[in-house]
Amino acid sequence: MNIEKLIKNKNLKLTTARKEILEALQTANKPLSYEDIKPELSMDKATFYRNISKFEHEGILDSFEANDKKRYFEIKLKPHAHFVCIQCNQIECIKSFDMYLEGYEINTITINGRCPQCLEN
């Protein structure tokens, strides 16, 4: 995915902050919280959340709150479910989950349980 093209298609200005946020989310293989992304950013928390809010409003990002009360963000591709481990808080994207419910538009589903590693221990 081309970040510059994505921003341009939404008629937004491409700033360093916006590019940093989207690059961090693009390279991740799972949703990330502010705390996960913070080491890669050269902006303050207010700037981060201001841009996140704009991205969500423009339909660029999806977000959800996990068991640890943190908000997690990911680039909006296609609707899919997330598995959140109630023991270690690991988050996984479940791409093969059926997101169709007749008469409804579903954006995200969060499934809580224990991951294989926690079950093994």
PDB file of N, CA and C in Angstrom:
ATOM      1  N   MET A   1       0.842  -1.171   0.000  1.00  0.00           N
ATOM      2  CA  MET A   1       0.000   0.000   0.000  1.00  0.00           C
ATOM      3  C   MET A   1       0.896   1.245   0.000  1.00  0.00           C
ATOM      4  N   ASN A   2       0.533   2.181  -0.812  1.00  0.00           N
ATOM      5  CA  ASN A   2       1.286   3.417  -0.936  1.00  0.00           C
ATOM      6  C   ASN A   2       0.682   4.465   0.004  1.00  0.00           C
ATOM      7  N   ILE A   3       1.438   4.845   1.019  1.00  0.00           N
ATOM      8  CA  ILE A   3       0.960   5.790   2.038  1.00  0.00           C
ATOM      9  C   ILE A   3       0.663   7.161   1.433  1.00  0.00           C
ATOM     10  N   GLU A   4       1.552   7.633   0.570  1.00  0.00           N
ATOM     11  CA  GLU A   4       1.342   8.938  -0.046  1.00  0.00           C
ATOM     12  C   GLU A   4       0.039   8.966  -0.843  1.00  0.00           C
ATOM     13  N   LYS A   5      -0.223   7.893  -1.575  1.00  0.00           N
ATOM     14  CA  LYS A   5      -1.439   7.806  -2.379  1.00  0.00           C
ATOM     15  C   LYS A   5      -2.682   7.725  -1.489  1.00  0.00           C
ATOM     16  N   LEU A   6      -2.584   6.976  -0.418  1.00  0.00           N
ATOM     17  CA  LEU A   6      -3.693   6.838   0.528  1.00  0.00           C
ATOM     18  C   LEU A   6      -4.076   8.202   1.107  1.00  0.00           C
ATOM     19  N   ILE A   7      -3.088   8.961   1.540  1.00  0.00           N
ATOM     20  CA  ILE A   7      -3.324  10.299   2.108  1.00  0.00           C
ATOM     21  C   ILE A   7      -3.904  11.242   1.047  1.00  0.00           C
ATOM     22  N   LYS A   8      -3.324  11.205  -0.142  1.00  0.00           N
ATOM     23  CA  LYS A   8      -3.782  12.082  -1.225  1.00  0.00           C
ATOM     24  C   LYS A   8      -5.234  11.774  -1.600  1.00  0.00           C
ATOM     25  N   ASN A   9      -5.598  10.498  -1.651  1.00  0.00           N
ATOM     26  CA  ASN A   9      -6.963  10.101  -2.004  1.00  0.00           C
ATOM     27  C   ASN A   9      -7.996  10.618  -1.008  1.00  0.00           C
ATOM     28  N   LYS A  10      -7.579  10.889   0.214  1.00  0.00           N
ATOM     29  CA  LYS A  10      -8.478  11.421   1.245  1.00  0.00           C
ATOM     30  C   LYS A  10      -8.386  12.944   1.340  1.00  0.00           C
ATOM     31  N   ASN A  11      -7.650  13.556   0.412  1.00  0.00           N
ATOM     32  CA  ASN A  11      -7.460  15.014   0.393  1.00  0.00           C
ATOM     33  C   ASN A  11      -6.870  15.556   1.694  1.00  0.00           C
ATOM     34  N   LEU A  12      -5.930  14.789   2.249  1.00  0.00           N
ATOM     35  CA  LEU A  12      -5.229  15.212   3.457  1.00  0.00           C
ATOM     36  C   LEU A  12      -3.818  15.647   3.090  1.00  0.00           C
ATOM     37  N   LYS A  13      -3.253  16.490   3.917  1.00  0.00           N
ATOM     38  CA  LYS A  13      -1.862  16.910   3.744  1.00  0.00           C
ATOM     39  C   LYS A  13      -0.956  15.822   4.303  1.00  0.00           C
ATOM     40  N   LEU A  14       0.071  15.463   3.550  1.00  0.00           N
ATOM     41  CA  LEU A  14       1.024  14.458   4.016  1.00  0.00           C
ATOM     42  C   LEU A  14       2.056  15.143   4.903  1.00  0.00           C
ATOM     43  N   THR A  15       1.958  14.909   6.201  1.00  0.00           N
ATOM     44  CA  THR A  15       2.915  15.469   7.153  1.00  0.00           C
ATOM     45  C   THR A  15       3.844  14.362   7.626  1.00  0.00           C
ATOM     46  N   THR A  16       4.938  14.753   8.244  1.00  0.00           N
ATOM     47  CA  THR A  16       5.877  13.771   8.792  1.00  0.00           C
ATOM     48  C   THR A  16       5.185  12.904   9.833  1.00  0.00           C
ATOM     49  N   ALA A  17       4.384  13.516  10.688  1.00  0.00           N
ATOM     50  CA  ALA A  17       3.682  12.762  11.732  1.00  0.00           C
ATOM     51  C   ALA A  17       2.747  11.724  11.128  1.00  0.00           C
ATOM     52  N   ARG A  18       1.974  12.115  10.149  1.00  0.00           N
ATOM     53  CA  ARG A  18       1.040  11.181   9.510  1.00  0.00           C
ATOM     54  C   ARG A  18       1.769  10.042   8.835  1.00  0.00           C
ATOM     55  N   LYS A  19       2.856  10.365   8.175  1.00  0.00           N
ATOM     56  CA  LYS A  19       3.640   9.329   7.497  1.00  0.00           C
ATOM     57  C   LYS A  19       4.240   8.358   8.514  1.00  0.00           C
ATOM     58  N   GLU A  20       4.773   8.864   9.621  1.00  0.00           N
ATOM     59  CA  GLU A  20       5.353   8.000  10.659  1.00  0.00           C
ATOM     60  C   GLU A  20       4.318   7.036  11.220  1.00  0.00           C
ATOM     61  N   ILE A  21       3.141   7.548  11.531  1.00  0.00           N
ATOM     62  CA  ILE A  21       2.086   6.705  12.103  1.00  0.00           C
ATOM     63  C   ILE A  21       1.694   5.604  11.123  1.00  0.00           C
ATOM     64  N   LEU A  22       1.422   5.983   9.888  1.00  0.00           N
ATOM     65  CA  LEU A  22       0.979   4.992   8.908  1.00  0.00           C
ATOM     66  C   LEU A  22       2.072   3.987   8.557  1.00  0.00           C
ATOM     67  N   GLU A  23       3.314   4.422   8.510  1.00  0.00           N
ATOM     68  CA  GLU A  23       4.415   3.485   8.248  1.00  0.00           C
ATOM     69  C   GLU A  23       4.542   2.461   9.371  1.00  0.00           C
ATOM     70  N   ALA A  24       4.411   2.912  10.620  1.00  0.00           N
ATOM     71  CA  ALA A  24       4.497   1.983  11.755  1.00  0.00           C
ATOM     72  C   ALA A  24       3.367   0.970  11.708  1.00  0.00           C
ATOM     73  N   LEU A  25       2.168   1.420  11.398  1.00  0.00           N
ATOM     74  CA  LEU A  25       1.027   0.503  11.330  1.00  0.00           C
ATOM     75  C   LEU A  25       1.109  -0.413  10.119  1.00  0.00           C
ATOM     76  N   GLN A  26       1.650   0.087   9.033  1.00  0.00           N
ATOM     77  CA  GLN A  26       1.750  -0.710   7.815  1.00  0.00           C
ATOM     78  C   GLN A  26       2.730  -1.879   7.983  1.00  0.00           C
ATOM     79  N   THR A  27       3.818  -1.656   8.693  1.00  0.00           N
ATOM     80  CA  THR A  27       4.824  -2.701   8.848  1.00  0.00           C
ATOM     81  C   THR A  27       4.472  -3.715   9.937  1.00  0.00           C
ATOM     82  N   ALA A  28       3.492  -3.390  10.750  1.00  0.00           N
ATOM     83  CA  ALA A  28       3.086  -4.304  11.830  1.00  0.00           C
ATOM     84  C   ALA A  28       2.194  -5.411  11.267  1.00  0.00           C
ATOM     85  N   ASN A  29       2.257  -6.569  11.886  1.00  0.00           N
ATOM     86  CA  ASN A  29       1.393  -7.663  11.461  1.00  0.00           C
ATOM     87  C   ASN A  29       0.211  -7.852  12.407  1.00  0.00           C
ATOM     88  N   LYS A  30      -0.007  -6.846  13.247  1.00  0.00           N
ATOM     89  CA  LYS A  30      -1.115  -6.873  14.194  1.00  0.00           C
ATOM     90  C   LYS A  30      -1.440  -5.438  14.601  1.00  0.00           C
ATOM     91  N   PRO A  31      -2.592  -5.218  15.200  1.00  0.00           N
ATOM     92  CA  PRO A  31      -2.920  -3.865  15.684  1.00  0.00           C
ATOM     93  C   PRO A  31      -1.929  -3.413  16.758  1.00  0.00           C
ATOM     94  N   LEU A  32      -1.667  -2.108  16.795  1.00  0.00           N
ATOM     95  CA  LEU A  32      -0.708  -1.546  17.747  1.00  0.00           C
ATOM     96  C   LEU A  32      -1.354  -0.454  18.594  1.00  0.00           C
ATOM     97  N   SER A  33      -0.903  -0.350  19.833  1.00  0.00           N
ATOM     98  CA  SER A  33      -1.347   0.724  20.727  1.00  0.00           C
ATOM     99  C   SER A  33      -0.364   1.893  20.613  1.00  0.00           C
ATOM    100  N   TYR A  34      -0.728   3.010  21.218  1.00  0.00           N
ATOM    101  CA  TYR A  34       0.186   4.154  21.242  1.00  0.00           C
ATOM    102  C   TYR A  34       1.524   3.751  21.856  1.00  0.00           C
ATOM    103  N   GLU A  35       1.473   2.970  22.943  1.00  0.00           N
ATOM    104  CA  GLU A  35       2.694   2.550  23.630  1.00  0.00           C
ATOM    105  C   GLU A  35       3.585   1.697  22.724  1.00  0.00           C
ATOM    106  N   ASP A  36       2.963   0.895  21.838  1.00  0.00           N
ATOM    107  CA  ASP A  36       3.726   0.071  20.899  1.00  0.00           C
ATOM    108  C   ASP A  36       4.441   0.925  19.853  1.00  0.00           C
ATOM    109  N   ILE A  37       3.767   1.976  19.400  1.00  0.00           N
ATOM    110  CA  ILE A  37       4.280   2.808  18.311  1.00  0.00           C
ATOM    111  C   ILE A  37       5.208   3.914  18.814  1.00  0.00           C
ATOM    112  N   LYS A  38       5.028   4.339  20.053  1.00  0.00           N
ATOM    113  CA  LYS A  38       5.729   5.502  20.617  1.00  0.00           C
ATOM    114  C   LYS A  38       7.238   5.539  20.324  1.00  0.00           C
ATOM    115  N   PRO A  39       7.988   4.430  20.477  1.00  0.00           N
ATOM    116  CA  PRO A  39       9.433   4.505  20.220  1.00  0.00           C
ATOM    117  C   PRO A  39       9.797   4.890  18.787  1.00  0.00           C
ATOM    118  N   GLU A  40       8.888   4.673  17.837  1.00  0.00           N
ATOM    119  CA  GLU A  40       9.169   4.975  16.436  1.00  0.00           C
ATOM    120  C   GLU A  40       8.754   6.395  16.038  1.00  0.00           C
ATOM    121  N   LEU A  41       8.143   7.124  16.954  1.00  0.00           N
ATOM    122  CA  LEU A  41       7.570   8.424  16.617  1.00  0.00           C
ATOM    123  C   LEU A  41       8.425   9.590  17.092  1.00  0.00           C
ATOM    124  N   SER A  42       8.354  10.684  16.341  1.00  0.00           N
ATOM    125  CA  SER A  42       9.051  11.911  16.735  1.00  0.00           C
ATOM    126  C   SER A  42       8.038  13.008  17.039  1.00  0.00           C
ATOM    127  N   MET A  43       6.909  12.619  17.655  1.00  0.00           N
ATOM    128  CA  MET A  43       5.834  13.570  17.965  1.00  0.00           C
ATOM    129  C   MET A  43       5.341  13.323  19.374  1.00  0.00           C
ATOM    130  N   ASP A  44       4.616  14.276  19.901  1.00  0.00           N
ATOM    131  CA  ASP A  44       4.052  14.085  21.236  1.00  0.00           C
ATOM    132  C   ASP A  44       2.729  13.320  21.150  1.00  0.00           C
ATOM    133  N   LYS A  45       2.231  12.952  22.296  1.00  0.00           N
ATOM    134  CA  LYS A  45       1.021  12.134  22.388  1.00  0.00           C
ATOM    135  C   LYS A  45      -0.195  12.854  21.793  1.00  0.00           C
ATOM    136  N   ALA A  46      -0.301  14.149  22.028  1.00  0.00           N
ATOM    137  CA  ALA A  46      -1.438  14.926  21.508  1.00  0.00           C
ATOM    138  C   ALA A  46      -1.455  14.911  19.976  1.00  0.00           C
ATOM    139  N   THR A  47      -0.289  15.073  19.364  1.00  0.00           N
ATOM    140  CA  THR A  47      -0.195  15.050  17.903  1.00  0.00           C
ATOM    141  C   THR A  47      -0.574  13.677  17.371  1.00  0.00           C
ATOM    142  N   PHE A  48      -0.123  12.636  18.054  1.00  0.00           N
ATOM    143  CA  PHE A  48      -0.462  11.270  17.661  1.00  0.00           C
ATOM    144  C   PHE A  48      -1.975  11.087  17.644  1.00  0.00           C
ATOM    145  N   TYR A  49      -2.631  11.412  18.752  1.00  0.00           N
ATOM    146  CA  TYR A  49      -4.069  11.182  18.852  1.00  0.00           C
ATOM    147  C   TYR A  49      -4.878  12.119  17.944  1.00  0.00           C
ATOM    148  N   ARG A  50      -4.394  13.297  17.688  1.00  0.00           N
ATOM    149  CA  ARG A  50      -5.074  14.207  16.763  1.00  0.00           C
ATOM    150  C   ARG A  50      -5.083  13.593  15.356  1.00  0.00           C
ATOM    151  N   ASN A  51      -3.939  13.025  14.957  1.00  0.00           N
ATOM    152  CA  ASN A  51      -3.854  12.394  13.645  1.00  0.00           C
ATOM    153  C   ASN A  51      -4.643  11.087  13.586  1.00  0.00           C
ATOM    154  N   ILE A  52      -4.615  10.330  14.657  1.00  0.00           N
ATOM    155  CA  ILE A  52      -5.394   9.083  14.721  1.00  0.00           C
ATOM    156  C   ILE A  52      -6.878   9.404  14.550  1.00  0.00           C
ATOM    157  N   SER A  53      -7.338  10.426  15.235  1.00  0.00           N
ATOM    158  CA  SER A  53      -8.746  10.831  15.138  1.00  0.00           C
ATOM    159  C   SER A  53      -9.108  11.197  13.701  1.00  0.00           C
ATOM    160  N   LYS A  54      -8.239  11.927  13.051  1.00  0.00           N
ATOM    161  CA  LYS A  54      -8.472  12.315  11.652  1.00  0.00           C
ATOM    162  C   LYS A  54      -8.496  11.082  10.755  1.00  0.00           C
ATOM    163  N   PHE A  55      -7.564  10.151  10.971  1.00  0.00           N
ATOM    164  CA  PHE A  55      -7.516   8.928  10.170  1.00  0.00           C
ATOM    165  C   PHE A  55      -8.780   8.086  10.358  1.00  0.00           C
ATOM    166  N   GLU A  56      -9.261   7.997  11.588  1.00  0.00           N
ATOM    167  CA  GLU A  56     -10.487   7.230  11.842  1.00  0.00           C
ATOM    168  C   GLU A  56     -11.682   7.911  11.172  1.00  0.00           C
ATOM    169  N   HIS A  57     -11.751   9.228  11.276  1.00  0.00           N
ATOM    170  CA  HIS A  57     -12.840   9.987  10.657  1.00  0.00           C
ATOM    171  C   HIS A  57     -12.848   9.803   9.139  1.00  0.00           C
ATOM    172  N   GLU A  58     -11.678   9.728   8.536  1.00  0.00           N
ATOM    173  CA  GLU A  58     -11.552   9.584   7.087  1.00  0.00           C
ATOM    174  C   GLU A  58     -11.638   8.120   6.630  1.00  0.00           C
ATOM    175  N   GLY A  59     -11.754   7.192   7.575  1.00  0.00           N
ATOM    176  CA  GLY A  59     -11.878   5.779   7.210  1.00  0.00           C
ATOM    177  C   GLY A  59     -10.573   5.107   6.844  1.00  0.00           C
ATOM    178  N   ILE A  60      -9.462   5.673   7.293  1.00  0.00           N
ATOM    179  CA  ILE A  60      -8.145   5.094   7.009  1.00  0.00           C
ATOM    180  C   ILE A  60      -7.783   4.040   8.047  1.00  0.00           C
ATOM    181  N   LEU A  61      -8.181   4.270   9.298  1.00  0.00           N
ATOM    182  CA  LEU A  61      -7.845   3.364  10.399  1.00  0.00           C
ATOM    183  C   LEU A  61      -9.083   2.794  11.062  1.00  0.00           C
ATOM    184  N   ASP A  62      -8.897   1.604  11.634  1.00  0.00           N
ATOM    185  CA  ASP A  62      -9.862   1.001  12.546  1.00  0.00           C
ATOM    186  C   ASP A  62      -9.198   0.936  13.911  1.00  0.00           C
ATOM    187  N   SER A  63     -10.018   0.910  14.956  1.00  0.00           N
ATOM    188  CA  SER A  63      -9.465   0.773  16.303  1.00  0.00           C
ATOM    189  C   SER A  63     -10.438   0.004  17.179  1.00  0.00           C
ATOM    190  N   PHE A  64      -9.903  -0.536  18.257  1.00  0.00           N
ATOM    191  CA  PHE A  64     -10.724  -1.214  19.252  1.00  0.00           C
ATOM    192  C   PHE A  64      -9.993  -1.192  20.585  1.00  0.00           C
ATOM    193  N   GLU A  65     -10.748  -1.354  21.662  1.00  0.00           N
ATOM    194  CA  GLU A  65     -10.168  -1.400  22.995  1.00  0.00           C
ATOM    195  C   GLU A  65     -10.043  -2.860  23.411  1.00  0.00           C
ATOM    196  N   ALA A  66      -8.868  -3.240  23.918  1.00  0.00           N
ATOM    197  CA  ALA A  66      -8.621  -4.618  24.339  1.00  0.00           C
ATOM    198  C   ALA A  66      -8.783  -4.749  25.850  1.00  0.00           C
ATOM    199  N   ASN A  67      -8.552  -5.946  26.351  1.00  0.00           N
ATOM    200  CA  ASN A  67      -8.711  -6.252  27.779  1.00  0.00           C
ATOM    201  C   ASN A  67      -7.842  -5.384  28.671  1.00  0.00           C
ATOM    202  N   ASP A  68      -6.701  -4.951  28.167  1.00  0.00           N
ATOM    203  CA  ASP A  68      -5.777  -4.146  28.968  1.00  0.00           C
ATOM    204  C   ASP A  68      -6.169  -2.671  29.005  1.00  0.00           C
ATOM    205  N   LYS A  69      -7.348  -2.348  28.466  1.00  0.00           N
ATOM    206  CA  LYS A  69      -7.912  -0.986  28.439  1.00  0.00           C
ATOM    207  C   LYS A  69      -7.132  -0.034  27.530  1.00  0.00           C
ATOM    208  N   LYS A  70      -6.274  -0.574  26.688  1.00  0.00           N
ATOM    209  CA  LYS A  70      -5.554   0.234  25.705  1.00  0.00           C
ATOM    210  C   LYS A  70      -6.328   0.187  24.392  1.00  0.00           C
ATOM    211  N   ARG A  71      -6.215   1.251  23.620  1.00  0.00           N
ATOM    212  CA  ARG A  71      -6.832   1.308  22.307  1.00  0.00           C
ATOM    213  C   ARG A  71      -5.787   0.856  21.290  1.00  0.00           C
ATOM    214  N   TYR A  72      -6.184  -0.015  20.388  1.00  0.00           N
ATOM    215  CA  TYR A  72      -5.294  -0.563  19.368  1.00  0.00           C
ATOM    216  C   TYR A  72      -5.760  -0.099  17.993  1.00  0.00           C
ATOM    217  N   PHE A  73      -4.793   0.179  17.118  1.00  0.00           N
ATOM    218  CA  PHE A  73      -5.070   0.761  15.815  1.00  0.00           C
ATOM    219  C   PHE A  73      -4.463  -0.095  14.716  1.00  0.00           C
ATOM    220  N   GLU A  74      -5.129  -0.080  13.550  1.00  0.00           N
ATOM    221  CA  GLU A  74      -4.594  -0.741  12.366  1.00  0.00           C
ATOM    222  C   GLU A  74      -5.162  -0.064  11.130  1.00  0.00           C
ATOM    223  N   ILE A  75      -4.426  -0.172  10.032  1.00  0.00           N
ATOM    224  CA  ILE A  75      -4.903   0.391   8.777  1.00  0.00           C
ATOM    225  C   ILE A  75      -6.102  -0.430   8.332  1.00  0.00           C
ATOM    226  N   LYS A  76      -7.129   0.278   7.908  1.00  0.00           N
ATOM    227  CA  LYS A  76      -8.387  -0.366   7.520  1.00  0.00           C
ATOM    228  C   LYS A  76      -8.211  -1.017   6.154  1.00  0.00           C
ATOM    229  N   LEU A  77      -8.237  -2.301   6.146  1.00  0.00           N
ATOM    230  CA  LEU A  77      -8.160  -3.026   4.883  1.00  0.00           C
ATOM    231  C   LEU A  77      -9.534  -3.617   4.599  1.00  0.00           C
ATOM    232  N   LYS A  78      -9.776  -4.801   5.093  1.00  0.00           N
ATOM    233  CA  LYS A  78     -11.116  -5.354   5.002  1.00  0.00           C
ATOM    234  C   LYS A  78     -11.513  -5.820   6.394  1.00  0.00           C
ATOM    235  N   PRO A  79     -12.789  -5.802   6.703  1.00  0.00           N
ATOM    236  CA  PRO A  79     -13.224  -6.191   8.049  1.00  0.00           C
ATOM    237  C   PRO A  79     -12.742  -7.598   8.409  1.00  0.00           C
ATOM    238  N   HIS A  80     -12.256  -7.722   9.635  1.00  0.00           N
ATOM    239  CA  HIS A  80     -11.820  -9.033  10.122  1.00  0.00           C
ATOM    240  C   HIS A  80     -11.915  -9.055  11.643  1.00  0.00           C
ATOM    241  N   ALA A  81     -11.859 -10.244  12.191  1.00  0.00           N
ATOM    242  CA  ALA A  81     -11.962 -10.423  13.638  1.00  0.00           C
ATOM    243  C   ALA A  81     -10.576 -10.361  14.273  1.00  0.00           C
ATOM    244  N   HIS A  82     -10.563 -10.121  15.591  1.00  0.00           N
ATOM    245  CA  HIS A  82      -9.329 -10.131  16.380  1.00  0.00           C
ATOM    246  C   HIS A  82      -9.498 -11.090  17.545  1.00  0.00           C
ATOM    247  N   PHE A  83      -8.433 -11.800  17.866  1.00  0.00           N
ATOM    248  CA  PHE A  83      -8.408 -12.639  19.060  1.00  0.00           C
ATOM    249  C   PHE A  83      -7.508 -11.944  20.067  1.00  0.00           C
ATOM    250  N   VAL A  84      -8.017 -11.735  21.297  1.00  0.00           N
ATOM    251  CA  VAL A  84      -7.244 -11.107  22.361  1.00  0.00           C
ATOM    252  C   VAL A  84      -7.133 -12.104  23.508  1.00  0.00           C
ATOM    253  N   CYS A  85      -5.906 -12.472  23.868  1.00  0.00           N
ATOM    254  CA  CYS A  85      -5.682 -13.404  24.972  1.00  0.00           C
ATOM    255  C   CYS A  85      -5.946 -12.691  26.301  1.00  0.00           C
ATOM    256  N   ILE A  86      -6.779 -13.284  27.127  1.00  0.00           N
ATOM    257  CA  ILE A  86      -7.118 -12.674  28.415  1.00  0.00           C
ATOM    258  C   ILE A  86      -6.005 -12.830  29.440  1.00  0.00           C
ATOM    259  N   GLN A  87      -5.013 -13.653  29.122  1.00  0.00           N
ATOM    260  CA  GLN A  87      -3.913 -13.869  30.061  1.00  0.00           C
ATOM    261  C   GLN A  87      -2.689 -13.027  29.721  1.00  0.00           C
ATOM    262  N   CYS A  88      -2.239 -13.075  28.480  1.00  0.00           N
ATOM    263  CA  CYS A  88      -1.008 -12.354  28.110  1.00  0.00           C
ATOM    264  C   CYS A  88      -1.277 -11.099  27.266  1.00  0.00           C
ATOM    265  N   ASN A  89      -2.530 -10.850  26.899  1.00  0.00           N
ATOM    266  CA  ASN A  89      -2.955  -9.698  26.095  1.00  0.00           C
ATOM    267  C   ASN A  89      -2.423  -9.698  24.668  1.00  0.00           C
ATOM    268  N   GLN A  90      -1.940 -10.831  24.187  1.00  0.00           N
ATOM    269  CA  GLN A  90      -1.504 -10.939  22.797  1.00  0.00           C
ATOM    270  C   GLN A  90      -2.713 -10.743  21.888  1.00  0.00           C
ATOM    271  N   ILE A  91      -2.522 -10.023  20.793  1.00  0.00           N
ATOM    272  CA  ILE A  91      -3.594  -9.768  19.836  1.00  0.00           C
ATOM    273  C   ILE A  91      -3.213 -10.374  18.497  1.00  0.00           C
ATOM    274  N   GLU A  92      -4.159 -11.087  17.897  1.00  0.00           N
ATOM    275  CA  GLU A  92      -3.949 -11.680  16.581  1.00  0.00           C
ATOM    276  C   GLU A  92      -5.106 -11.300  15.672  1.00  0.00           C
ATOM    277  N   CYS A  93      -4.801 -11.054  14.412  1.00  0.00           N
ATOM    278  CA  CYS A  93      -5.844 -10.827  13.413  1.00  0.00           C
ATOM    279  C   CYS A  93      -6.298 -12.181  12.892  1.00  0.00           C
ATOM    280  N   ILE A  94      -7.597 -12.363  12.805  1.00  0.00           N
ATOM    281  CA  ILE A  94      -8.166 -13.600  12.276  1.00  0.00           C
ATOM    282  C   ILE A  94      -8.762 -13.257  10.919  1.00  0.00           C
ATOM    283  N   LYS A  95      -8.056 -13.605   9.877  1.00  0.00           N
ATOM    284  CA  LYS A  95      -8.459 -13.214   8.520  1.00  0.00           C
ATOM    285  C   LYS A  95      -9.560 -14.102   7.952  1.00  0.00           C
ATOM    286  N   SER A  96      -9.688 -15.329   8.432  1.00  0.00           N
ATOM    287  CA  SER A  96     -10.625 -16.269   7.818  1.00  0.00           C
ATOM    288  C   SER A  96     -11.981 -16.326   8.517  1.00  0.00           C
ATOM    289  N   PHE A  97     -12.244 -15.413   9.417  1.00  0.00           N
ATOM    290  CA  PHE A  97     -13.494 -15.389  10.169  1.00  0.00           C
ATOM    291  C   PHE A  97     -14.594 -14.765   9.314  1.00  0.00           C
ATOM    292  N   ASP A  98     -15.775 -15.390   9.261  1.00  0.00           N
ATOM    293  CA  ASP A  98     -16.890 -14.874   8.472  1.00  0.00           C
ATOM    294  C   ASP A  98     -17.473 -13.633   9.147  1.00  0.00           C
ATOM    295  N   MET A  99     -17.392 -12.497   8.493  1.00  0.00           N
ATOM    296  CA  MET A  99     -17.845 -11.226   9.056  1.00  0.00           C
ATOM    297  C   MET A  99     -19.216 -10.829   8.517  1.00  0.00           C
ATOM    298  N   TYR A 100     -19.965 -11.784   8.017  1.00  0.00           N
ATOM    299  CA  TYR A 100     -21.260 -11.467   7.418  1.00  0.00           C
ATOM    300  C   TYR A 100     -22.401 -11.838   8.353  1.00  0.00           C
ATOM    301  N   LEU A 101     -23.295 -10.911   8.544  1.00  0.00           N
ATOM    302  CA  LEU A 101     -24.511 -11.132   9.306  1.00  0.00           C
ATOM    303  C   LEU A 101     -25.615 -10.414   8.540  1.00  0.00           C
ATOM    304  N   GLU A 102     -26.564 -11.177   8.037  1.00  0.00           N
ATOM    305  CA  GLU A 102     -27.588 -10.618   7.153  1.00  0.00           C
ATOM    306  C   GLU A 102     -28.282  -9.400   7.762  1.00  0.00           C
ATOM    307  N   GLY A 103     -28.293  -8.322   6.985  1.00  0.00           N
ATOM    308  CA  GLY A 103     -28.956  -7.102   7.413  1.00  0.00           C
ATOM    309  C   GLY A 103     -28.098  -6.172   8.254  1.00  0.00           C
ATOM    310  N   TYR A 104     -26.843  -6.540   8.504  1.00  0.00           N
ATOM    311  CA  TYR A 104     -25.954  -5.734   9.334  1.00  0.00           C
ATOM    312  C   TYR A 104     -24.659  -5.438   8.590  1.00  0.00           C
ATOM    313  N   GLU A 105     -24.041  -4.321   8.950  1.00  0.00           N
ATOM    314  CA  GLU A 105     -22.687  -4.038   8.488  1.00  0.00           C
ATOM    315  C   GLU A 105     -21.778  -4.204   9.682  1.00  0.00           C
ATOM    316  N   ILE A 106     -20.860  -5.151   9.604  1.00  0.00           N
ATOM    317  CA  ILE A 106     -19.958  -5.439  10.714  1.00  0.00           C
ATOM    318  C   ILE A 106     -18.574  -4.903  10.368  1.00  0.00           C
ATOM    319  N   ASN A 107     -18.011  -4.110  11.280  1.00  0.00           N
ATOM    320  CA  ASN A 107     -16.675  -3.551  11.068  1.00  0.00           C
ATOM    321  C   ASN A 107     -15.600  -4.373  11.743  1.00  0.00           C
ATOM    322  N   THR A 108     -15.867  -4.833  12.948  1.00  0.00           N
ATOM    323  CA  THR A 108     -14.867  -5.608  13.675  1.00  0.00           C
ATOM    324  C   THR A 108     -15.541  -6.490  14.711  1.00  0.00           C
ATOM    325  N   ILE A 109     -14.902  -7.600  14.995  1.00  0.00           N
ATOM    326  CA  ILE A 109     -15.332  -8.511  16.049  1.00  0.00           C
ATOM    327  C   ILE A 109     -14.105  -8.835  16.883  1.00  0.00           C
ATOM    328  N   THR A 110     -14.247  -8.760  18.197  1.00  0.00           N
ATOM    329  CA  THR A 110     -13.146  -9.103  19.089  1.00  0.00           C
ATOM    330  C   THR A 110     -13.531 -10.356  19.877  1.00  0.00           C
ATOM    331  N   ILE A 111     -12.685 -11.373  19.779  1.00  0.00           N
ATOM    332  CA  ILE A 111     -12.897 -12.634  20.483  1.00  0.00           C
ATOM    333  C   ILE A 111     -11.885 -12.702  21.616  1.00  0.00           C
ATOM    334  N   ASN A 112     -12.361 -12.935  22.823  1.00  0.00           N
ATOM    335  CA  ASN A 112     -11.484 -13.041  23.983  1.00  0.00           C
ATOM    336  C   ASN A 112     -11.365 -14.493  24.413  1.00  0.00           C
ATOM    337  N   GLY A 113     -10.192 -14.884  24.827  1.00  0.00           N
ATOM    338  CA  GLY A 113      -9.944 -16.245  25.286  1.00  0.00           C
ATOM    339  C   GLY A 113      -8.483 -16.388  25.674  1.00  0.00           C
ATOM    340  N   ARG A 114      -8.003 -17.617  25.684  1.00  0.00           N
ATOM    341  CA  ARG A 114      -6.587 -17.858  26.005  1.00  0.00           C
ATOM    342  C   ARG A 114      -5.901 -18.421  24.787  1.00  0.00           C
ATOM    343  N   CYS A 115      -4.738 -17.858  24.463  1.00  0.00           N
ATOM    344  CA  CYS A 115      -3.971 -18.263  23.287  1.00  0.00           C
ATOM    345  C   CYS A 115      -3.313 -19.627  23.518  1.00  0.00           C
ATOM    346  N   PRO A 116      -2.843 -20.295  22.451  1.00  0.00           N
ATOM    347  CA  PRO A 116      -2.210 -21.603  22.599  1.00  0.00           C
ATOM    348  C   PRO A 116      -1.025 -21.617  23.573  1.00  0.00           C
ATOM    349  N   GLN A 117      -0.221 -20.533  23.576  1.00  0.00           N
ATOM    350  CA  GLN A 117       0.933 -20.489  24.472  1.00  0.00           C
ATOM    351  C   GLN A 117       0.499 -20.456  25.931  1.00  0.00           C
ATOM    352  N   CYS A 118      -0.539 -19.685  26.258  1.00  0.00           N
ATOM    353  CA  CYS A 118      -1.022 -19.596  27.633  1.00  0.00           C
ATOM    354  C   CYS A 118      -1.712 -20.896  28.058  1.00  0.00           C
ATOM    355  N   LEU A 119      -2.386 -21.542  27.128  1.00  0.00           N
ATOM    356  CA  LEU A 119      -3.032 -22.819  27.433  1.00  0.00           C
ATOM    357  C   LEU A 119      -1.983 -23.896  27.726  1.00  0.00           C
ATOM    358  N   GLU A 120      -0.855 -23.801  27.016  1.00  0.00           N
ATOM    359  CA  GLU A 120       0.223 -24.787  27.183  1.00  0.00           C
ATOM    360  C   GLU A 120       0.895 -24.652  28.556  1.00  0.00           C
ATOM    361  N   ASN A 121       0.968 -23.430  29.074  1.00  0.00           N
ATOM    362  CA  ASN A 121       1.694 -23.197  30.334  1.00  0.00           C
ATOM    363  C   ASN A 121       0.835 -23.486  31.519  1.00  0.00           C
TER     364      ASN A 121
END
